[in-house]
Amino acid sequence: MKKIFRKIGKLFSHIGSFFDKWLITPITKVILKIVDVSKKNGKQLERIIGKKQTLIVISLILALCIFYLIDRESSAMIDQYAEVLYNQPVEATYNEEAYVVEGLPKTVDITLVGQKRHIFLAKQSPSEGVTVDLTGLKTGQHKVELKYSQRLKSLDYRLDPSSVTITIYDKVSATKTLSYDVLHQDNLDSKLNIEDVELDRSEVIVKGADYKLKKVATVKALVDVDDFSNPEAGEMTLKNVPLVAYDTNGKVVDVEIVPKSVTAKVTITSPSKEVPLEIIPKGDLAFGKAIKSLSSSVNQVTIYGSETALASITSLPVEVDVTGLEQGKDFTVTLKRPTGVTEISIKTVTVKVVIDDSIVKEFDNISIATENLDTSKYKVQALSEADSKVTVIVRGSKSIVDSIDPSIIKAYVDLKDLGVGEHEVDVKVSGDDVKLSYTSKVKKVKVRISEK
């Protein structure tokens, strides 16, 4: 033990000798020299210090020293940073089953002010966030303060906004019928069709302020086609279909909906139908010319769409503009989809038009029919024999005109919106063959309408 203390004593003795030799002794010598010089040259120092230039230099040195000290202090003060935490959620405490709160922001911005390291620590440490306690407040308007809990007291913080004016309403509820909308239906394969959507409930409960519930016109389940995985013909089930409330103008009404989502069973079909193409020439040919034949590279196509739409379609019209045509020509025509048709098996067809010289032939004693007359209330008769029949002029290719059957020529008058009395009406003529043109020699006839 004595040896240990002896070694420790020697260690401290060496340390003392080191400081004495290299620090204390040199400093003491310097101080003694300065004192000795000042005694010998006291008067000379007084003369130097008394000079104006010396005072300016000393003042400048002192000013620089003071500036350095102030700068260090200001740097310490300026060493403050600010960082903004955007969109921090606000947590409100109140009876959500009994009240509705409006005017309370969902998020606020928090500005933290302090040293950079403290801000870093604050961001890493847990916090209770932004809170507001509405417990005990009744219906009506209130101004409330938002609070931010931060464990680091070395930081200052500012909330934007820090206080808000809120309105508290009594929460009421109502039952609404549930319907649905199909979103992004255009993204579905054009050969597929959503035939039916069946929801797992027909009614929902909406909750909120009374004035908002009065705005709710409908609640819809939003069935999104983009949520289908590999859609194909058959039944598909979609879970968690969101519900949205709308007013009469189609704007979203912010109310609570119970439940928040539903399950939908979607029936997807792929109805199709084969229909012939009906080539329809449009416009007038060159003078003296007629269409001898019309043919298409395809005679029929398959169309897809809803069953209702397909049921009403018997043919697919293909319009060809033959205005001013003097000789035969091949047309490439893009097929147009009728209303309710989502896809056509062929997109374009080639229509061949053959031109011939035109001839004219008259067909006498074509009886005039009537259209758009309520025969349950009225009856109609021509005022004379000449008003009951007309001569029809048919223009077209000789081979077609010579073989025409007069029974396919239809002359008629349109009596729509006409009442009891005598009327002069236009004569209209039509025929089954679109390659021919039909006109009546007599443009108008007189008829009498009377009650039955």
Protein backbone atom coordinates (compact mmCIF):
# COMPACT_ATOMS: atom_id res chain seq x y z
CA MET A 1 0.00 0.00 0.00
CA LYS A 2 2.89 2.34 0.89
CA LYS A 3 4.41 1.65 -2.51
CA ILE A 4 1.20 2.73 -4.24
CA PHE A 5 1.03 6.02 -2.31
CA ARG A 6 4.75 6.57 -2.99
CA LYS A 7 4.15 6.15 -6.76
CA ILE A 8 1.14 8.52 -6.69
CA GLY A 9 3.25 11.08 -4.83
CA LYS A 10 6.00 10.87 -7.42
CA LEU A 11 3.41 11.31 -10.22
CA PHE A 12 2.04 14.51 -8.70
CA SER A 13 5.61 15.71 -8.06
CA HIS A 14 6.48 15.28 -11.75
CA ILE A 15 3.30 17.11 -12.82
CA GLY A 16 4.12 19.99 -10.48
CA SER A 17 7.66 20.21 -11.80
CA PHE A 18 6.35 20.28 -15.39
CA PHE A 19 3.94 23.18 -14.78
CA ASP A 20 6.59 25.02 -12.73
CA LYS A 21 9.23 24.74 -15.45
CA TRP A 22 7.12 25.38 -18.56
CA LEU A 23 4.27 27.60 -17.38
CA ILE A 24 4.69 29.37 -14.02
CA THR A 25 8.40 30.29 -14.30
CA PRO A 26 8.18 31.72 -17.91
CA ILE A 27 5.06 33.78 -17.11
CA THR A 28 6.72 35.15 -13.95
CA LYS A 29 9.84 36.20 -15.88
CA VAL A 30 7.72 38.00 -18.52
CA ILE A 31 5.80 39.94 -15.88
CA LEU A 32 9.01 40.97 -14.10
CA LYS A 33 10.51 42.23 -17.36
CA ILE A 34 7.38 44.25 -18.15
CA VAL A 35 7.51 45.84 -14.65
CA ASP A 36 11.22 46.59 -15.01
CA VAL A 37 10.77 48.17 -18.46
CA SER A 38 7.87 50.27 -17.25
CA LYS A 39 9.98 51.62 -14.35
CA LYS A 40 12.84 52.57 -16.61
CA ASN A 41 10.78 53.99 -19.44
CA GLY A 42 7.80 55.41 -17.53
CA LYS A 43 8.22 58.92 -18.88
CA GLN A 44 8.70 57.68 -22.44
CA LEU A 45 5.48 55.59 -22.20
CA GLU A 46 3.62 58.65 -20.96
CA ARG A 47 4.80 60.67 -23.94
CA ILE A 48 3.78 57.85 -26.36
CA ILE A 49 0.35 57.41 -24.78
CA GLY A 50 -0.19 61.17 -24.77
CA LYS A 51 0.13 61.35 -28.56
CA LYS A 52 -3.07 61.69 -30.63
CA GLN A 53 -2.09 58.93 -33.05
CA THR A 54 -1.47 56.50 -30.15
CA LEU A 55 -4.89 57.23 -28.66
CA ILE A 56 -6.56 56.60 -32.05
CA VAL A 57 -4.79 53.24 -32.41
CA ILE A 58 -5.70 52.22 -28.85
CA SER A 59 -9.31 53.29 -29.41
CA LEU A 60 -9.42 51.28 -32.61
CA ILE A 61 -8.04 48.19 -30.87
CA LEU A 62 -10.56 48.54 -28.04
CA ALA A 63 -13.41 49.02 -30.54
CA LEU A 64 -12.38 45.87 -32.41
CA CYS A 65 -12.28 43.92 -29.16
CA ILE A 66 -15.72 45.18 -28.12
CA PHE A 67 -17.10 44.40 -31.60
CA TYR A 68 -15.71 40.87 -31.35
CA LEU A 69 -17.32 40.32 -27.95
CA ILE A 70 -20.69 41.72 -29.08
CA ASP A 71 -20.56 39.71 -32.28
CA ARG A 72 -20.02 36.52 -30.28
CA GLU A 73 -22.98 37.33 -28.04
CA SER A 74 -25.23 38.25 -30.99
CA SER A 75 -24.22 35.06 -32.78
CA ALA A 76 -25.27 33.14 -29.74
CA MET A 77 -28.59 34.99 -29.78
CA ILE A 78 -29.05 34.62 -33.54
CA ASP A 79 -28.32 30.92 -33.33
CA GLN A 80 -32.09 30.40 -33.32
CA TYR A 81 -33.85 28.43 -36.06
CA ALA A 82 -37.47 28.13 -37.09
CA GLU A 83 -39.09 25.16 -38.78
CA VAL A 84 -42.73 24.72 -39.85
CA LEU A 85 -44.54 21.43 -39.33
CA TYR A 86 -47.31 21.47 -41.93
CA ASN A 87 -50.75 19.84 -41.76
CA GLN A 88 -50.61 18.60 -38.18
CA PRO A 89 -53.91 16.90 -37.26
CA VAL A 90 -56.20 18.46 -34.69
CA GLU A 91 -57.73 16.13 -32.11
CA ALA A 92 -60.96 17.40 -30.55
CA THR A 93 -62.52 16.03 -27.39
CA TYR A 94 -66.34 16.15 -27.24
CA ASN A 95 -69.41 13.89 -27.27
CA GLU A 96 -69.48 12.85 -30.93
CA GLU A 97 -72.72 10.91 -30.50
CA ALA A 98 -74.64 13.98 -29.35
CA TYR A 99 -73.07 16.93 -31.17
CA VAL A 100 -71.73 18.06 -34.54
CA VAL A 101 -68.86 20.59 -34.60
CA GLU A 102 -68.31 22.89 -37.57
CA GLY A 103 -65.52 25.41 -38.13
CA LEU A 104 -62.81 23.31 -36.51
CA PRO A 105 -59.85 22.83 -38.89
CA LYS A 106 -58.74 19.28 -39.53
CA THR A 107 -55.08 20.33 -39.58
CA VAL A 108 -52.93 23.30 -38.53
CA ASP A 109 -49.33 24.42 -39.13
CA ILE A 110 -46.89 24.52 -36.20
CA THR A 111 -43.81 26.79 -36.23
CA LEU A 112 -41.04 25.60 -33.88
CA VAL A 113 -38.47 28.22 -32.82
CA GLY A 114 -35.22 27.36 -31.03
CA GLN A 115 -31.78 25.93 -31.53
CA LYS A 116 -31.38 23.50 -34.37
CA ARG A 117 -30.50 20.56 -32.14
CA HIS A 118 -33.53 21.19 -29.96
CA ILE A 119 -35.79 21.30 -33.00
CA PHE A 120 -34.30 18.03 -34.19
CA LEU A 121 -34.95 16.42 -30.81
CA ALA A 122 -38.49 17.78 -30.75
CA LYS A 123 -39.26 16.19 -34.11
CA GLN A 124 -37.95 12.85 -32.90
CA SER A 125 -39.63 12.83 -29.50
CA PRO A 126 -43.31 11.81 -29.13
CA SER A 127 -45.94 14.50 -28.68
CA GLU A 128 -49.64 14.54 -27.90
CA GLY A 129 -50.11 16.77 -30.94
CA VAL A 130 -52.62 19.59 -31.35
CA THR A 131 -55.68 19.24 -29.15
CA VAL A 132 -58.80 21.17 -28.24
CA ASP A 133 -61.12 20.28 -25.38
CA LEU A 134 -64.78 21.06 -26.13
CA THR A 135 -66.15 19.15 -23.16
CA GLY A 136 -68.94 21.06 -21.45
CA LEU A 137 -69.66 23.41 -24.36
CA LYS A 138 -73.31 23.61 -25.45
CA THR A 139 -74.87 24.29 -28.86
CA GLY A 140 -74.00 27.64 -30.39
CA GLN A 141 -70.86 29.57 -31.35
CA HIS A 142 -67.68 29.42 -29.28
CA LYS A 143 -64.14 30.74 -29.64
CA VAL A 144 -61.67 28.07 -28.56
CA GLU A 145 -57.90 27.90 -28.18
CA LEU A 146 -55.84 25.15 -29.77
CA LYS A 147 -53.06 23.64 -27.67
CA TYR A 148 -49.83 21.93 -28.63
CA SER A 149 -48.06 19.65 -26.16
CA GLN A 150 -44.29 19.63 -26.57
CA ARG A 151 -42.07 18.13 -23.88
CA LEU A 152 -39.00 20.22 -24.75
CA LYS A 153 -39.41 23.48 -22.83
CA SER A 154 -36.40 25.05 -24.59
CA LEU A 155 -38.51 25.57 -27.74
CA ASP A 156 -41.13 28.15 -28.54
CA TYR A 157 -44.01 27.20 -30.83
CA ARG A 158 -46.72 29.06 -32.70
CA LEU A 159 -49.93 27.55 -34.10
CA ASP A 160 -51.56 28.76 -37.31
CA PRO A 161 -54.38 29.22 -36.47
CA SER A 162 -54.05 29.28 -32.70
CA SER A 163 -57.72 30.02 -32.01
CA VAL A 164 -60.87 29.37 -34.05
CA THR A 165 -64.58 30.10 -33.85
CA ILE A 166 -66.66 26.94 -33.96
CA THR A 167 -70.38 26.18 -34.08
CA ILE A 168 -71.85 23.26 -32.17
CA TYR A 169 -75.11 21.64 -33.34
CA ASP A 170 -77.24 18.88 -31.92
CA LYS A 171 -76.69 15.71 -33.95
CA VAL A 172 -79.86 14.27 -35.54
CA SER A 173 -80.37 11.30 -37.83
CA ALA A 174 -82.60 10.21 -40.72
CA THR A 175 -83.08 7.14 -42.90
CA LYS A 176 -82.34 7.47 -46.64
CA THR A 177 -82.87 5.13 -49.58
CA LEU A 178 -79.62 3.89 -51.06
CA SER A 179 -78.93 3.83 -54.81
CA TYR A 180 -75.71 3.44 -56.80
CA ASP A 181 -73.56 4.98 -59.53
CA VAL A 182 -71.06 3.13 -61.69
CA LEU A 183 -67.76 5.05 -62.06
CA HIS A 184 -65.20 4.72 -64.90
CA GLN A 185 -67.53 2.50 -66.91
CA ASP A 186 -65.68 3.53 -70.07
CA ASN A 187 -62.61 1.69 -68.72
CA LEU A 188 -64.48 -1.62 -68.86
CA ASP A 189 -63.84 -3.88 -71.86
CA SER A 190 -66.15 -2.55 -74.57
CA LYS A 191 -67.56 -6.05 -75.15
CA LEU A 192 -68.70 -6.24 -71.52
CA ASN A 193 -71.77 -4.63 -70.05
CA ILE A 194 -72.79 -4.07 -66.42
CA GLU A 195 -76.24 -5.59 -66.42
CA ASP A 196 -77.14 -5.19 -62.74
CA VAL A 197 -75.79 -4.04 -59.38
CA GLU A 198 -77.24 -5.48 -56.18
CA LEU A 199 -76.34 -3.82 -52.86
CA ASP A 200 -76.41 -5.66 -49.54
CA ARG A 201 -78.78 -3.03 -48.11
CA SER A 202 -81.41 -0.67 -49.48
CA GLU A 203 -81.35 1.98 -46.74
CA VAL A 204 -78.73 3.81 -44.66
CA ILE A 205 -78.77 6.25 -41.77
CA VAL A 206 -77.36 9.75 -42.18
CA LYS A 207 -76.36 11.83 -39.16
CA GLY A 208 -75.46 15.47 -38.79
CA ALA A 209 -76.84 18.94 -38.19
CA ASP A 210 -80.53 19.26 -39.00
CA TYR A 211 -79.97 21.87 -41.73
CA LYS A 212 -77.53 19.57 -43.51
CA LEU A 213 -79.80 16.54 -43.40
CA LYS A 214 -82.48 18.62 -45.12
CA LYS A 215 -80.05 19.15 -48.04
CA VAL A 216 -79.49 15.42 -48.61
CA ALA A 217 -81.43 14.40 -51.74
CA THR A 218 -79.85 11.00 -52.30
CA VAL A 219 -77.19 8.66 -50.96
CA LYS A 220 -75.26 6.61 -53.51
CA ALA A 221 -72.84 3.73 -53.43
CA LEU A 222 -69.96 4.47 -55.81
CA VAL A 223 -69.21 1.24 -57.67
CA ASP A 224 -65.86 1.83 -59.38
CA VAL A 225 -65.04 -0.32 -62.42
CA ASP A 226 -61.33 0.28 -61.72
CA ASP A 227 -61.73 -1.78 -58.54
CA PHE A 228 -62.58 -4.90 -60.58
CA SER A 229 -59.81 -7.47 -60.84
CA ASN A 230 -59.82 -9.14 -64.28
CA PRO A 231 -63.48 -8.34 -65.07
CA GLU A 232 -65.31 -10.88 -67.20
CA ALA A 233 -68.87 -12.03 -67.84
CA GLY A 234 -70.47 -13.33 -64.64
CA GLU A 235 -70.96 -12.09 -61.08
CA MET A 236 -68.36 -10.13 -59.13
CA THR A 237 -68.47 -9.05 -55.48
CA LEU A 238 -67.02 -5.71 -54.39
CA LYS A 239 -66.52 -5.04 -50.68
CA ASN A 240 -66.11 -1.68 -48.93
CA VAL A 241 -67.93 0.29 -51.62
CA PRO A 242 -67.92 3.92 -50.34
CA LEU A 243 -71.14 5.87 -49.78
CA VAL A 244 -71.62 9.57 -50.60
CA ALA A 245 -74.54 11.92 -49.90
CA TYR A 246 -75.60 14.46 -52.58
CA ASP A 247 -77.95 17.43 -52.70
CA THR A 248 -80.37 18.22 -55.52
CA ASN A 249 -77.58 19.88 -57.54
CA GLY A 250 -75.28 16.85 -57.31
CA LYS A 251 -72.94 18.46 -54.78
CA VAL A 252 -71.53 16.37 -51.93
CA VAL A 253 -73.13 16.98 -48.52
CA ASP A 254 -70.77 16.49 -45.57
CA VAL A 255 -72.75 14.21 -43.26
CA GLU A 256 -72.01 11.01 -41.36
CA ILE A 257 -73.33 7.88 -43.09
CA VAL A 258 -73.94 4.66 -41.20
CA PRO A 259 -72.58 2.30 -42.35
CA LYS A 260 -69.73 4.01 -44.19
CA SER A 261 -69.55 1.35 -46.92
CA VAL A 262 -71.53 -1.57 -48.38
CA THR A 263 -70.96 -4.73 -50.38
CA ALA A 264 -72.11 -4.83 -54.02
CA LYS A 265 -72.78 -7.84 -56.24
CA VAL A 266 -72.18 -6.79 -59.86
CA THR A 267 -73.56 -8.81 -62.77
CA ILE A 268 -71.46 -8.45 -65.92
CA THR A 269 -72.75 -9.69 -69.28
CA SER A 270 -71.54 -9.64 -72.87
CA PRO A 271 -74.69 -9.35 -75.03
CA SER A 272 -74.08 -9.40 -78.79
CA LYS A 273 -76.11 -9.48 -81.99
CA GLU A 274 -75.37 -9.90 -85.70
CA VAL A 275 -76.98 -7.21 -87.88
CA PRO A 276 -76.75 -6.45 -91.62
CA LEU A 277 -75.19 -3.27 -92.98
CA GLU A 278 -77.56 -0.79 -94.60
CA ILE A 279 -75.71 1.40 -97.12
CA ILE A 280 -77.28 4.84 -97.42
CA PRO A 281 -76.03 7.27 -100.12
CA LYS A 282 -76.09 10.95 -99.18
CA GLY A 283 -76.01 13.95 -101.53
CA ASP A 284 -76.79 14.41 -105.25
CA LEU A 285 -74.81 12.77 -108.02
CA ALA A 286 -73.56 14.64 -111.06
CA PHE A 287 -76.34 15.61 -113.50
CA GLY A 288 -77.65 12.66 -115.53
CA LYS A 289 -76.00 10.05 -113.32
CA ALA A 290 -77.50 7.35 -111.08
CA ILE A 291 -76.29 4.62 -108.76
CA LYS A 292 -76.36 1.24 -110.44
CA SER A 293 -75.17 -0.79 -107.45
CA LEU A 294 -73.92 -0.48 -103.87
CA SER A 295 -71.87 -3.21 -102.25
CA SER A 296 -69.83 -3.58 -99.09
CA SER A 297 -66.76 -5.64 -98.26
CA VAL A 298 -68.75 -6.94 -95.28
CA ASN A 299 -72.46 -7.69 -95.28
CA GLN A 300 -73.03 -7.98 -91.54
CA VAL A 301 -71.25 -7.24 -88.27
CA THR A 302 -71.51 -8.22 -84.63
CA ILE A 303 -72.48 -5.45 -82.23
CA TYR A 304 -72.13 -5.43 -78.42
CA GLY A 305 -74.05 -3.44 -75.83
CA SER A 306 -76.96 -3.59 -73.43
CA GLU A 307 -79.71 -6.05 -74.22
CA THR A 308 -82.25 -3.22 -74.33
CA ALA A 309 -80.26 -1.30 -76.93
CA LEU A 310 -79.54 -4.36 -79.08
CA ALA A 311 -83.21 -5.36 -79.17
CA SER A 312 -84.16 -2.17 -81.00
CA ILE A 313 -81.41 -2.39 -83.66
CA THR A 314 -82.24 -4.31 -86.84
CA SER A 315 -79.46 -2.97 -89.08
CA LEU A 316 -76.37 -0.78 -88.93
CA PRO A 317 -76.55 2.30 -91.21
CA VAL A 318 -73.46 3.10 -93.32
CA GLU A 319 -73.63 6.57 -94.87
CA VAL A 320 -71.67 7.33 -98.06
CA ASP A 321 -71.34 10.87 -99.44
CA VAL A 322 -71.81 10.64 -103.24
CA THR A 323 -72.20 14.36 -103.87
CA GLY A 324 -71.08 15.28 -107.43
CA LEU A 325 -69.94 11.73 -108.21
CA GLU A 326 -69.60 11.07 -111.99
CA GLN A 327 -68.01 7.63 -112.00
CA GLY A 328 -67.63 4.60 -109.76
CA LYS A 329 -65.58 4.84 -106.58
CA ASP A 330 -64.56 2.80 -103.54
CA PHE A 331 -65.14 4.44 -100.13
CA THR A 332 -63.53 3.49 -96.83
CA VAL A 333 -66.13 4.16 -94.15
CA THR A 334 -65.68 4.08 -90.37
CA LEU A 335 -68.70 2.48 -88.73
CA LYS A 336 -70.51 4.58 -86.14
CA ARG A 337 -71.82 3.06 -82.95
CA PRO A 338 -75.56 3.60 -82.35
CA THR A 339 -76.72 4.68 -78.90
CA GLY A 340 -76.30 1.84 -76.42
CA VAL A 341 -73.74 -0.03 -78.56
CA THR A 342 -70.32 -0.31 -76.92
CA GLU A 343 -68.37 -2.27 -79.54
CA ILE A 344 -68.57 -3.33 -83.20
CA SER A 345 -66.67 -6.39 -84.43
CA ILE A 346 -65.36 -4.46 -87.47
CA LYS A 347 -64.29 -0.83 -87.34
CA THR A 348 -64.19 0.06 -91.06
CA VAL A 349 -65.67 -1.31 -94.29
CA THR A 350 -65.10 -0.62 -97.99
CA VAL A 351 -68.19 0.43 -99.95
CA LYS A 352 -68.11 0.06 -103.75
CA VAL A 353 -70.34 2.49 -105.69
CA VAL A 354 -71.05 1.76 -109.38
CA ILE A 355 -72.37 4.69 -111.47
CA ASP A 356 -74.68 4.50 -114.53
CA ASP A 357 -76.60 6.94 -116.70
CA SER A 358 -79.88 8.08 -115.21
CA ILE A 359 -83.35 7.62 -116.78
CA VAL A 360 -86.78 8.85 -115.68
CA LYS A 361 -89.98 6.83 -115.47
CA GLU A 362 -93.44 7.86 -114.28
CA PHE A 363 -95.79 5.69 -112.23
CA ASP A 364 -99.44 6.79 -112.28
CA ASN A 365 -102.27 6.35 -109.78
CA ILE A 366 -100.14 5.94 -106.66
CA SER A 367 -102.63 6.20 -103.76
CA ILE A 368 -101.89 8.76 -101.04
CA ALA A 369 -101.71 7.45 -97.48
CA THR A 370 -101.91 9.47 -94.26
CA GLU A 371 -99.59 9.53 -91.27
CA ASN A 372 -99.70 10.90 -87.71
CA LEU A 373 -103.52 11.21 -87.47
CA ASP A 374 -105.34 10.10 -84.35
CA THR A 375 -107.75 7.70 -86.07
CA SER A 376 -109.58 7.05 -82.81
CA LYS A 377 -110.90 10.64 -82.91
CA TYR A 378 -110.65 11.80 -86.51
CA LYS A 379 -111.20 10.70 -90.07
CA VAL A 380 -109.77 12.18 -93.25
CA GLN A 381 -110.77 12.31 -96.91
CA ALA A 382 -109.43 13.93 -100.07
CA LEU A 383 -111.41 16.89 -101.37
CA SER A 384 -111.31 15.47 -104.93
CA GLU A 385 -110.20 12.43 -106.90
CA ALA A 386 -107.09 14.34 -107.96
CA ASP A 387 -106.22 14.81 -104.29
CA SER A 388 -106.31 11.08 -103.55
CA LYS A 389 -103.75 9.84 -106.08
CA VAL A 390 -100.54 11.19 -107.60
CA THR A 391 -98.06 10.42 -110.34
CA VAL A 392 -94.59 9.58 -109.00
CA ILE A 393 -91.41 10.29 -110.98
CA VAL A 394 -88.64 7.78 -110.39
CA ARG A 395 -85.03 8.48 -111.42
CA GLY A 396 -82.25 5.94 -111.51
CA SER A 397 -80.28 3.36 -113.46
CA LYS A 398 -82.31 1.86 -116.33
CA SER A 399 -81.87 -1.73 -115.19
CA ILE A 400 -83.28 -0.86 -111.76
CA VAL A 401 -86.07 1.49 -112.87
CA ASP A 402 -87.40 -0.98 -115.44
CA SER A 403 -87.66 -3.73 -112.84
CA ILE A 404 -89.28 -1.66 -110.08
CA ASP A 405 -92.52 -2.86 -108.52
CA PRO A 406 -94.97 0.09 -108.18
CA SER A 407 -96.29 -1.39 -104.94
CA ILE A 408 -93.06 -0.48 -103.13
CA ILE A 409 -93.60 3.22 -103.92
CA LYS A 410 -95.27 5.03 -101.06
CA ALA A 411 -96.94 8.45 -101.33
CA TYR A 412 -98.23 10.02 -98.11
CA VAL A 413 -99.16 13.23 -96.28
CA ASP A 414 -98.16 14.09 -92.72
CA LEU A 415 -101.17 15.31 -90.68
CA LYS A 416 -99.31 15.85 -87.41
CA ASP A 417 -100.75 18.71 -85.28
CA LEU A 418 -103.66 19.26 -87.72
CA GLY A 419 -107.22 19.49 -86.39
CA VAL A 420 -110.74 19.51 -87.78
CA GLY A 421 -111.12 21.41 -91.08
CA GLU A 422 -109.71 21.61 -94.61
CA HIS A 423 -105.95 21.64 -95.07
CA GLU A 424 -103.51 21.87 -97.97
CA VAL A 425 -100.61 19.56 -97.24
CA ASP A 426 -97.31 18.53 -98.87
CA VAL A 427 -97.06 15.21 -100.69
CA LYS A 428 -94.08 13.07 -99.71
CA VAL A 429 -92.79 10.00 -101.54
CA SER A 430 -90.46 7.21 -100.44
CA GLY A 431 -89.31 3.83 -101.71
CA ASP A 432 -87.43 0.78 -100.56
CA ASP A 433 -84.51 1.12 -102.97
CA VAL A 434 -82.04 3.80 -101.80
CA LYS A 435 -80.38 3.83 -105.25
CA LEU A 436 -83.45 5.53 -106.72
CA SER A 437 -84.93 8.99 -106.17
CA TYR A 438 -88.69 9.53 -105.87
CA THR A 439 -90.68 12.75 -106.41
CA SER A 440 -94.36 13.53 -106.86
CA LYS A 441 -95.62 15.46 -109.87
CA VAL A 442 -98.15 17.15 -107.60
CA LYS A 443 -96.52 18.91 -104.67
CA LYS A 444 -99.65 19.61 -102.56
CA VAL A 445 -103.14 18.12 -102.13
CA LYS A 446 -106.21 19.17 -100.15
CA VAL A 447 -107.78 17.06 -97.41
CA ARG A 448 -110.66 17.42 -94.96
CA ILE A 449 -110.34 16.27 -91.36
CA SER A 450 -113.50 15.65 -89.35
CA GLU A 451 -114.45 14.08 -86.08
CA LYS A 452 -115.74 10.52 -86.05
